[in-house]
PDB file of N, CA and C in Angstrom:
ATOM      1  N   MET A   1     112.300 104.314  79.150  1.00  0.00           N
ATOM      2  CA  MET A   1     111.472 104.846  80.587  1.00  0.00           C
ATOM      3  C   MET A   1     110.813 104.970  79.931  1.00  0.00           C
ATOM      4  N   GLU A   2     109.177 104.322  80.992  1.00  0.00           N
ATOM      5  CA  GLU A   2     107.712 105.303  80.419  1.00  0.00           C
ATOM      6  C   GLU A   2     107.712 106.407  81.083  1.00  0.00           C
ATOM      7  N   ARG A   3     106.800 107.310  80.664  1.00  0.00           N
ATOM      8  CA  ARG A   3     106.182 108.459  81.269  1.00  0.00           C
ATOM      9  C   ARG A   3     105.016 108.220  81.952  1.00  0.00           C
ATOM     10  N   MET A   4     104.701 108.941  83.339  1.00  0.00           N
ATOM     11  CA  MET A   4     103.409 108.814  84.302  1.00  0.00           C
ATOM     12  C   MET A   4     103.084 109.854  83.416  1.00  0.00           C
ATOM     13  N   LYS A   5     101.329 109.366  83.645  1.00  0.00           N
ATOM     14  CA  LYS A   5     100.466 110.492  83.410  1.00  0.00           C
ATOM     15  C   LYS A   5     100.546 111.375  84.507  1.00  0.00           C
ATOM     16  N   ARG A   6     100.630 112.704  84.333  1.00  0.00           N
ATOM     17  CA  ARG A   6      99.806 113.685  85.565  1.00  0.00           C
ATOM     18  C   ARG A   6      99.264 113.211  86.093  1.00  0.00           C
ATOM     19  N   VAL A   7      98.411 112.816  87.755  1.00  0.00           N
ATOM     20  CA  VAL A   7      96.356 113.479  87.347  1.00  0.00           C
ATOM     21  C   VAL A   7      96.233 113.750  88.662  1.00  0.00           C
ATOM     22  N   VAL A   8      95.854 114.931  89.214  1.00  0.00           N
ATOM     23  CA  VAL A   8      96.028 115.437  89.815  1.00  0.00           C
ATOM     24  C   VAL A   8      94.123 115.126  90.702  1.00  0.00           C
ATOM     25  N   ARG A   9      93.885 114.886  92.129  1.00  0.00           N
ATOM     26  CA  ARG A   9      93.150 114.373  93.259  1.00  0.00           C
ATOM     27  C   ARG A   9      93.192 114.873  94.387  1.00  0.00           C
ATOM     28  N   VAL A  10      91.496 115.229  94.618  1.00  0.00           N
ATOM     29  CA  VAL A  10      91.787 116.019  95.967  1.00  0.00           C
ATOM     30  C   VAL A  10      91.007 114.921  96.839  1.00  0.00           C
ATOM     31  N   PHE A  11      91.397 115.134  98.207  1.00  0.00           N
ATOM     32  CA  PHE A  11      90.309 114.161  98.840  1.00  0.00           C
ATOM     33  C   PHE A  11      89.423 115.435 100.027  1.00  0.00           C
ATOM     34  N   ASP A  12      88.753 114.602 100.688  1.00  0.00           N
ATOM     35  CA  ASP A  12      88.557 115.382 102.367  1.00  0.00           C
ATOM     36  C   ASP A  12      89.103 115.007 103.056  1.00  0.00           C
ATOM     37  N   ASP A  13      90.023 114.240 103.020  1.00  0.00           N
ATOM     38  CA  ASP A  13      90.544 113.273 104.392  1.00  0.00           C
ATOM     39  C   ASP A  13      92.082 111.807 103.880  1.00  0.00           C
ATOM     40  N   PHE A  14      92.843 112.255 104.777  1.00  0.00           N
ATOM     41  CA  PHE A  14      94.090 111.363 104.564  1.00  0.00           C
ATOM     42  C   PHE A  14      93.813 110.268 104.966  1.00  0.00           C
ATOM     43  N   ALA A  15      92.354 109.484 105.301  1.00  0.00           N
ATOM     44  CA  ALA A  15      91.828 108.478 104.832  1.00  0.00           C
ATOM     45  C   ALA A  15      91.345 108.048 103.117  1.00  0.00           C
ATOM     46  N   ALA A  16      90.950 108.473 102.916  1.00  0.00           N
ATOM     47  CA  ALA A  16      90.697 108.650 101.917  1.00  0.00           C
ATOM     48  C   ALA A  16      91.409 108.695 101.101  1.00  0.00           C
ATOM     49  N   ALA A  17      92.569 109.560 101.326  1.00  0.00           N
ATOM     50  CA  ALA A  17      93.369 109.683 100.246  1.00  0.00           C
ATOM     51  C   ALA A  17      94.473 108.379 100.597  1.00  0.00           C
ATOM     52  N   ASP A  18      93.941 107.877 101.223  1.00  0.00           N
ATOM     53  CA  ASP A  18      95.336 106.453 102.262  1.00  0.00           C
ATOM     54  C   ASP A  18      95.269 105.717 101.513  1.00  0.00           C
ATOM     55  N   ALA A  19      93.027 105.483 101.307  1.00  0.00           N
ATOM     56  CA  ALA A  19      92.248 103.785 100.739  1.00  0.00           C
ATOM     57  C   ALA A  19      92.482 104.035  99.318  1.00  0.00           C
ATOM     58  N   ALA A  20      92.420 105.323  98.391  1.00  0.00           N
ATOM     59  CA  ALA A  20      92.554 105.381  97.439  1.00  0.00           C
ATOM     60  C   ALA A  20      94.311 104.988  96.412  1.00  0.00           C
ATOM     61  N   ASP A  21      95.630 105.375  97.566  1.00  0.00           N
ATOM     62  CA  ASP A  21      96.677 105.115  97.299  1.00  0.00           C
ATOM     63  C   ASP A  21      97.140 103.662  97.520  1.00  0.00           C
ATOM     64  N   LEU A  22      96.072 103.260  98.421  1.00  0.00           N
ATOM     65  CA  LEU A  22      96.631 101.381  98.622  1.00  0.00           C
ATOM     66  C   LEU A  22      95.276 100.767  96.947  1.00  0.00           C
ATOM     67  N   ASP A  23      94.071 101.239  96.788  1.00  0.00           N
ATOM     68  CA  ASP A  23      93.574 100.437  95.520  1.00  0.00           C
ATOM     69  C   ASP A  23      94.318 100.744  94.729  1.00  0.00           C
ATOM     70  N   ASP A  24      95.494 102.204  93.753  1.00  0.00           N
ATOM     71  CA  ASP A  24      95.944 102.193  92.895  1.00  0.00           C
ATOM     72  C   ASP A  24      96.674 101.911  93.311  1.00  0.00           C
ATOM     73  N   TRP A  25      97.701 101.025  94.261  1.00  0.00           N
ATOM     74  CA  TRP A  25      98.731  99.737  94.450  1.00  0.00           C
ATOM     75  C   TRP A  25      98.019  98.188  93.642  1.00  0.00           C
ATOM     76  N   LEU A  26      97.529  97.621  94.772  1.00  0.00           N
ATOM     77  CA  LEU A  26      96.640  96.968  94.325  1.00  0.00           C
ATOM     78  C   LEU A  26      96.190  96.515  92.760  1.00  0.00           C
ATOM     79  N   ALA A  27      95.910  97.753  91.918  1.00  0.00           N
ATOM     80  CA  ALA A  27      95.939  97.689  90.444  1.00  0.00           C
ATOM     81  C   ALA A  27      96.520  97.273  89.864  1.00  0.00           C
ATOM     82  N   LEU A  28      97.822  97.712  90.363  1.00  0.00           N
ATOM     83  CA  LEU A  28      98.831  97.752  89.810  1.00  0.00           C
ATOM     84  C   LEU A  28      99.256  95.379  89.626  1.00  0.00           C
ATOM     85  N   SER A  29     100.033  95.221  88.380  1.00  0.00           N
ATOM     86  CA  SER A  29     100.782  94.023  88.603  1.00  0.00           C
ATOM     87  C   SER A  29     101.748  93.869  89.452  1.00  0.00           C
ATOM     88  N   GLY A  30     101.786  92.455  89.703  1.00  0.00           N
ATOM     89  CA  GLY A  30     103.121  92.166  90.447  1.00  0.00           C
ATOM     90  C   GLY A  30     104.502  92.760  89.706  1.00  0.00           C
ATOM     91  N   GLU A  31     104.132  92.682  88.392  1.00  0.00           N
ATOM     92  CA  GLU A  31     105.594  93.089  87.326  1.00  0.00           C
ATOM     93  C   GLU A  31     105.915  94.796  87.766  1.00  0.00           C
ATOM     94  N   GLU A  32     104.408  95.055  87.328  1.00  0.00           N
ATOM     95  CA  GLU A  32     104.869  96.931  87.630  1.00  0.00           C
ATOM     96  C   GLU A  32     105.783  97.505  88.795  1.00  0.00           C
ATOM     97  N   ARG A  33     105.090  96.462  90.203  1.00  0.00           N
ATOM     98  CA  ARG A  33     105.369  96.944  91.439  1.00  0.00           C
ATOM     99  C   ARG A  33     106.334  96.619  92.141  1.00  0.00           C
ATOM    100  N   MET A  34     107.176  95.278  91.045  1.00  0.00           N
ATOM    101  CA  MET A  34     108.783  94.505  90.838  1.00  0.00           C
ATOM    102  C   MET A  34     109.567  96.057  90.304  1.00  0.00           C
ATOM    103  N   ARG A  35     108.573  96.839  88.748  1.00  0.00           N
ATOM    104  CA  ARG A  35     109.445  97.394  88.886  1.00  0.00           C
ATOM    105  C   ARG A  35     110.176  99.044  89.126  1.00  0.00           C
ATOM    106  N   ILE A  36     108.769  98.857  90.477  1.00  0.00           N
ATOM    107  CA  ILE A  36     108.957 100.274  90.604  1.00  0.00           C
ATOM    108  C   ILE A  36     110.012 100.492  91.540  1.00  0.00           C
ATOM    109  N   GLY A  37     110.008  99.258  92.463  1.00  0.00           N
ATOM    110  CA  GLY A  37     111.182  99.162  93.444  1.00  0.00           C
ATOM    111  C   GLY A  37     111.849  99.053  92.545  1.00  0.00           C
ATOM    112  N   GLU A  38     112.572  98.770  92.424  1.00  0.00           N
ATOM    113  CA  GLU A  38     113.522  98.555  91.316  1.00  0.00           C
ATOM    114  C   GLU A  38     114.366  99.618  90.748  1.00  0.00           C
ATOM    115  N   GLY A  39     113.455 100.668  90.558  1.00  0.00           N
ATOM    116  CA  GLY A  39     114.078 101.786  89.970  1.00  0.00           C
ATOM    117  C   GLY A  39     113.799 102.980  91.115  1.00  0.00           C
ATOM    118  N   MET A  40     113.216 102.793  92.406  1.00  0.00           N
ATOM    119  CA  MET A  40     113.469 103.111  93.844  1.00  0.00           C
ATOM    120  C   MET A  40     115.200 102.868  94.130  1.00  0.00           C
ATOM    121  N   ARG A  41     114.561 101.418  94.135  1.00  0.00           N
ATOM    122  CA  ARG A  41     116.325 101.057  94.290  1.00  0.00           C
ATOM    123  C   ARG A  41     117.999 101.717  93.428  1.00  0.00           C
ATOM    124  N   MET A  42     117.176 101.516  92.350  1.00  0.00           N
ATOM    125  CA  MET A  42     119.069 102.651  91.152  1.00  0.00           C
ATOM    126  C   MET A  42     118.267 103.956  91.850  1.00  0.00           C
ATOM    127  N   GLU A  43     117.625 104.424  92.827  1.00  0.00           N
ATOM    128  CA  GLU A  43     117.569 105.885  92.899  1.00  0.00           C
ATOM    129  C   GLU A  43     118.345 106.034  93.747  1.00  0.00           C
ATOM    130  N   ALA A  44     118.643 105.264  94.994  1.00  0.00           N
ATOM    131  CA  ALA A  44     118.304 105.128  96.098  1.00  0.00           C
ATOM    132  C   ALA A  44     119.757 104.534  96.295  1.00  0.00           C
ATOM    133  N   PHE A  45     120.769 103.615  95.402  1.00  0.00           N
ATOM    134  CA  PHE A  45     121.486 103.152  95.457  1.00  0.00           C
ATOM    135  C   PHE A  45     122.325 103.020  94.507  1.00  0.00           C
ATOM    136  N   GLY A  46     122.184 104.000  93.087  1.00  0.00           N
ATOM    137  CA  GLY A  46     122.394 103.841  92.277  1.00  0.00           C
ATOM    138  C   GLY A  46     123.381 102.889  91.362  1.00  0.00           C
ATOM    139  N   VAL A  47     123.279 102.303  90.286  1.00  0.00           N
ATOM    140  CA  VAL A  47     123.738 100.945  89.167  1.00  0.00           C
ATOM    141  C   VAL A  47     124.440 100.064  90.339  1.00  0.00           C
ATOM    142  N   VAL A  48     124.077  98.842  90.457  1.00  0.00           N
ATOM    143  CA  VAL A  48     124.643  97.356  90.709  1.00  0.00           C
ATOM    144  C   VAL A  48     124.048  96.818  90.037  1.00  0.00           C
ATOM    145  N   GLU A  49     124.573  95.500  90.530  1.00  0.00           N
ATOM    146  CA  GLU A  49     124.110  94.067  90.694  1.00  0.00           C
ATOM    147  C   GLU A  49     122.271  94.130  90.579  1.00  0.00           C
ATOM    148  N   PRO A  50     121.534  93.356  89.305  1.00  0.00           N
ATOM    149  CA  PRO A  50     120.231  93.555  89.380  1.00  0.00           C
ATOM    150  C   PRO A  50     119.946  92.367  90.804  1.00  0.00           C
ATOM    151  N   GLY A  51     118.329  92.844  91.342  1.00  0.00           N
ATOM    152  CA  GLY A  51     118.297  91.686  92.424  1.00  0.00           C
ATOM    153  C   GLY A  51     118.353  91.672  94.230  1.00  0.00           C
ATOM    154  N   LEU A  52     118.303  91.020  94.608  1.00  0.00           N
ATOM    155  CA  LEU A  52     118.159  91.162  96.191  1.00  0.00           C
ATOM    156  C   LEU A  52     118.838  90.609  96.438  1.00  0.00           C
ATOM    157  N   GLN A  53     120.077  90.410  97.468  1.00  0.00           N
ATOM    158  CA  GLN A  53     120.635  89.185  97.919  1.00  0.00           C
ATOM    159  C   GLN A  53     120.500  88.612  99.418  1.00  0.00           C
ATOM    160  N   ARG A  54     121.465  87.533  99.509  1.00  0.00           N
ATOM    161  CA  ARG A  54     120.511  86.921 100.957  1.00  0.00           C
ATOM    162  C   ARG A  54     122.212  86.993 101.789  1.00  0.00           C
ATOM    163  N   VAL A  55     121.783  87.268 103.291  1.00  0.00           N
ATOM    164  CA  VAL A  55     122.799  87.434 103.390  1.00  0.00           C
ATOM    165  C   VAL A  55     122.321  86.855 104.951  1.00  0.00           C
ATOM    166  N   LEU A  56     123.972  85.956 105.214  1.00  0.00           N
ATOM    167  CA  LEU A  56     123.426  85.034 106.456  1.00  0.00           C
ATOM    168  C   LEU A  56     124.798  85.443 107.146  1.00  0.00           C
ATOM    169  N   ARG A  57     124.476  85.583 108.625  1.00  0.00           N
ATOM    170  CA  ARG A  57     125.657  85.886 109.230  1.00  0.00           C
ATOM    171  C   ARG A  57     125.695  85.187 110.756  1.00  0.00           C
ATOM    172  N   VAL A  58     126.066  84.298 111.490  1.00  0.00           N
ATOM    173  CA  VAL A  58     126.446  83.582 112.746  1.00  0.00           C
ATOM    174  C   VAL A  58     126.756  84.286 113.457  1.00  0.00           C
ATOM    175  N   VAL A  59     125.760  84.244 114.890  1.00  0.00           N
ATOM    176  CA  VAL A  59     126.443  85.056 115.839  1.00  0.00           C
ATOM    177  C   VAL A  59     126.607  83.598 116.676  1.00  0.00           C
ATOM    178  N   GLU A  60     127.752  83.688 117.833  1.00  0.00           N
ATOM    179  CA  GLU A  60     127.866  83.519 118.703  1.00  0.00           C
ATOM    180  C   GLU A  60     127.395  84.128 119.833  1.00  0.00           C
ATOM    181  N   LEU A  61     126.197  83.065 121.021  1.00  0.00           N
ATOM    182  CA  LEU A  61     125.314  84.255 121.879  1.00  0.00           C
ATOM    183  C   LEU A  61     127.122  83.954 123.262  1.00  0.00           C
ATOM    184  N   GLY A  62     127.503  84.325 123.715  1.00  0.00           N
ATOM    185  CA  GLY A  62     127.894  84.823 124.950  1.00  0.00           C
ATOM    186  C   GLY A  62     127.535  84.173 126.440  1.00  0.00           C
ATOM    187  N   GLU A  63     128.231  83.677 127.596  1.00  0.00           N
ATOM    188  CA  GLU A  63     127.307  83.184 128.393  1.00  0.00           C
ATOM    189  C   GLU A  63     127.011  84.466 129.170  1.00  0.00           C
ATOM    190  N   SER A  64     125.816  83.854 130.092  1.00  0.00           N
ATOM    191  CA  SER A  64     125.736  85.590 130.826  1.00  0.00           C
ATOM    192  C   SER A  64     124.665  84.708 131.968  1.00  0.00           C
TER     193      SER A  64
END
């Protein structure tokens, strides 16, 4: 697992911090974003089958 470089940045307001976060996120490749998302999923749910499941449920509407 890669080690992250620790960086401390100070901003004057929350809007500037949010803009910097968005710029950092958009600078990542799609593969890097997927790797981060998969890591967050594994932290939340543990080791499960990788990927996303598709779920379909048919619901019958009653008369109203």
